[in-house]
Each structure stands twice: as C-alpha cells, then as structure tokens.
C-alpha cells in the first residue's frame, strides 16, 4: 500500500512488525544504549563548561601578560644571569718609587700551592728597610662574601702616600662576561671592559738616606731610653723632602694583610707607633727657636749683632707682689759676655731673655713680635704637605694663655720662657726643617714636597739675607767654634746647626732633644731637623749625637749629597 503526503508510502506492513515492542524485540540488551531512552544535554551544562574554559583562558592570558610585559625585564635578567656571569678584572695598583728608581711599594700575584690557584688581585708589598711605614702607609684589599660576591671591588689607600695619592695609584677595574650552557659548561668568555692599571709615582725621598736616618735615630734612642722620635731632610731650594721618618713604627704590611694581632699590638702600645711624629707630633722646641728671635731682632733693629750681653748664669726680675722674692730665670750655664753669633753658638738663655722680653737697657721684641716672626718662619701654621693628619702647633700668646688658663694675665716671665722655646710652645719636626731651610736659603719659606721634580712653592719671610747671614754664621760657630753642636764638626762635610733641649714633666724629670741645621754651611743645599722624645733628664746624649752617626754614614756612602 502506498500513501501520498500523509499517506503511507511503500508496501504493506507485515503483521509481525505491528506486534513488535521492547519486550519481544529479538536480541534486546537492556544494559546497552540501544535499550535506553536518550535525552539531549541541557543548555545550562553547556554554559557552565564554556564559562570554565573562558575563565582558564583569561587566567593564562593574564599570567602570560605579567611574565612578558609587566615583569618581563626582571625575568629576562634572571634568565640571562642563569647563563651569563660577570667577573671583576682587578687593575694593577701603581708602583711607588724613590727618587733613584728604587721600588718602595709594588705588587705580586701569589700562588696558593694547596689550591693550585692564584689570588684574583695582586698583593701589595713594601720595602723592608726601616723608616717607611708612616710615609708609605698601607691599603685594604678587595673583599668578597662567603658566596664569592665582591662587596668591595677596589683597593683602598688607608694612610700615608697610599691614601694621599690613591687617586693616582688606584687604576680602574675592568670586567669580563662568561656564558655557560644548560650543563654548566663554558661556552665563551669575553672581556667587556679591560682594566687600566694605576699610575706609578716617584717620590722625592732617597730610600738609602731615609733608612740610614731612621736607623741612626732609632738606635740612639734605644740606647739612651728615648721613647720615640722623627727626622726630616729637605732641599732648601726646591722643598723636596729627601727623608721623612718617624719611630717607633708599625708593620704596615701586616696592616694591609689584616693581621689582627699586629693591629691590636700597635693600637695598645704606649709608645704610639701609629703616630707619624714627623708630621703630626708636636714638641716643645727649646732653644732651636733662638735663630728666629735673632733674625727678628735684627729685622726690627732692636740690637746690633756685635752688642754683647752678660750672662752670669741667670737674671733676676723684681716681684711687685713679693719684693723679697724676686723672679729668677736661669741660664743653663754662665757664658760671660756674648754677642749674637756667640749667643746662638753657645745657646745663651740670658741673651735671648733680653732680646725677647727686654732686660735692663736692652729693649725686647715683646710677645706680639715674637708671635709674628714665628709665624713668618712657618710655626703654628700647617706646612701644606700632601700627607694627612698634619698638626699646626702652638705659639704661646696672651690670648692663648687666657683661653688655656682661665683668664690669667700674661706676664714678663711668660715672654722669657717663650723666647727660649718653652712654656706652651709646640712645633712639628716638619715645621722645624722648613724654617731651617728658610734660614739657609736666604728667607724663602718652602712648601714641603714629596713628589720628585715637583714645582717649588715658596713665600718670603720678610727677613733679609744680610740678617740671615749673621744667623747662619752663629749656627756654623755652634759646630766649629766650641758651640753646643760641636759633635757635628767632622771632616768632609761642612754643617751649621742649632741644638735644643726642652724639659718635660711636673718636676722637669724628662727631656726632648732637638737639633736642626743645614749643609754645606757656606752654600746651603740641604736642611735637617731631628727630635728624640722623652728621655730621663739625666741623659746627656741626644739628637746631635744621633745625627753625627748619620752624617758619618752620609759622607762615606752618599758623597753626591756632600759635594
């Protein structure tokens, strides 16, 4: 039968088809899908799954944006550093030479045999001769933490020339980059920035002279119970320092290596080995200031060089408060009648009491003019040396006394004591050699120089060479005419000198011993100053004897400085 439209198409329906249902269908397995009624997925479930996929996609997109855009540079650096490592290439520090080319400080790369490796930076070494610790100073080395990261990549000059000229000596470090693969194996290494070594410097000092001066002074001090001392030698025309030494010293090489025991011992030593006495030590000068007073008296025309003053061993000044107790100012001995040249030679205190403060018919300079001329010759004023820590010193004045002694007035006796370098007078060895050079060169006060061939700098003292010639003659007589420096009267070298002894302690139980001067006396080329610090007052052998030993060495070992 066949229908059109809604009508049945096809053939007839078999009777067995009409009566088939789920219960009598052949081969029916009710557990299989064909035995179940299927229902379509709901729209809600589809929406939830879609939303979940969208949420995941947004989270991943946001994370990718953060990694690549917001924190991209940070993670890129981390990624690169996982493969690329920077290495410091340490610059070689400049070498320090003396004026003759002798190495005073240099570098070595030391091999560690236990690790079969080398230190990544060179170690600093210093000349082993005595007398150089304070001049050269020391450095601190670069430092790394336990992981090998450098937290200090430079040498640091701590004191002395190492500190002062660090800007020349230091150089500039470089760096290299090394690339490793995922296995940690080196792929390549490139020097990104090559190191530039430091500039070497030539000092003005002569290493042999410096060592000999240090040896002569320290040995004599040891024998005669002085606690320390210093010595300086200067070219009187250029200001170059040929020697600048202080003792006792510290071990600057041990300080550079950071040896704790050496550092602790130096800090705890009562003799203060860390003090550079030549530059930072201040001492009562005693009679070595008398040439300044003589020059000032001539410049101010208050005395003729030929006028003689009687020294009977002391002078007596009336005491207005206690007439029966006059003030007595002693000379170190009775000298009789002395003129200026002789007064300098024998170091007459009475003569310089009269010249400084006035006595009987002799007009004195007075404390204001003493202060003025002491400054003209560089006392109480820093010299301008390139080393740090320089002390200025003190010239006693009424203003100084009021400040120090709670307003006490200035008295004539204070002027007398200042005139012979006592009371509160304090100067440095460097100032002493500077003013000795000014007497020797005709009145030019030079700036001390520590670099060879440095341009001289000088200011005029205002005292004529004609007047200074008389002072020079008096200082020469102190050596060759029975004066206080006659121990320096030796063949082969012509020396002019002035000695000084300053008393210390509540009972004057200690002394400092000074000697200053220049040579050759007839045409000065070099000036010197030496001080030995704090020995028992019973000691009769001081700085002059120590310098005598040095000058014998100089005459025989370094004739080029004598001729």
Foldseek 3Di string as FASTA:
>chain_A
DDDDPPTRHDDDDDPVVVPDDLVPDPPDDCPDPVNDDDDDDDPVVVVVVVVVVVVVVVVVVVVVCCCCPVCVVVVVVVVQVVFKDKDKQAAFFAFEAEQVRHTAKGWDWDADVVVRDTDSYTAMDGDPFPFCCQQQFAWAAFDADPVGHTPGRWIAGDFHCCHLVVVQGTWAMFMKMWGADPVRHTDDIGGPGHTGGGHYFYWHADVVLQRLLRVLAVVVCVVFVFLWKWKWKAFLPFQETHYTGIDDAADRSCVRVVPPVSVVCQVPDPSNRVDRQQFQNKDQAFQLCQLLLLLLCVLVVQDDQPAWDFFQFWDWAADPVDRVDTDIGGWPHGDGIDGNLQCQLAVTLVVLLCQALNDDPGHHPYLVSSVLSLVLLPALHRLPESGPNGGRWDQDDQVVCCVVVVHDGDDSVVRSQSSRRADRGIGGQNSSQQSQSCLQVFFWRWRRGTGPPDGIDTDGSSGGNVSSLSSLSSQQCSCVVPGPLVLLPDPLWAWGKGKGWYFDDPVSQWIKIKMKTAPPSVRGGMIMIMIGHTGGPVRDDGDSVSVSSSVVCCSPPPVVVGD
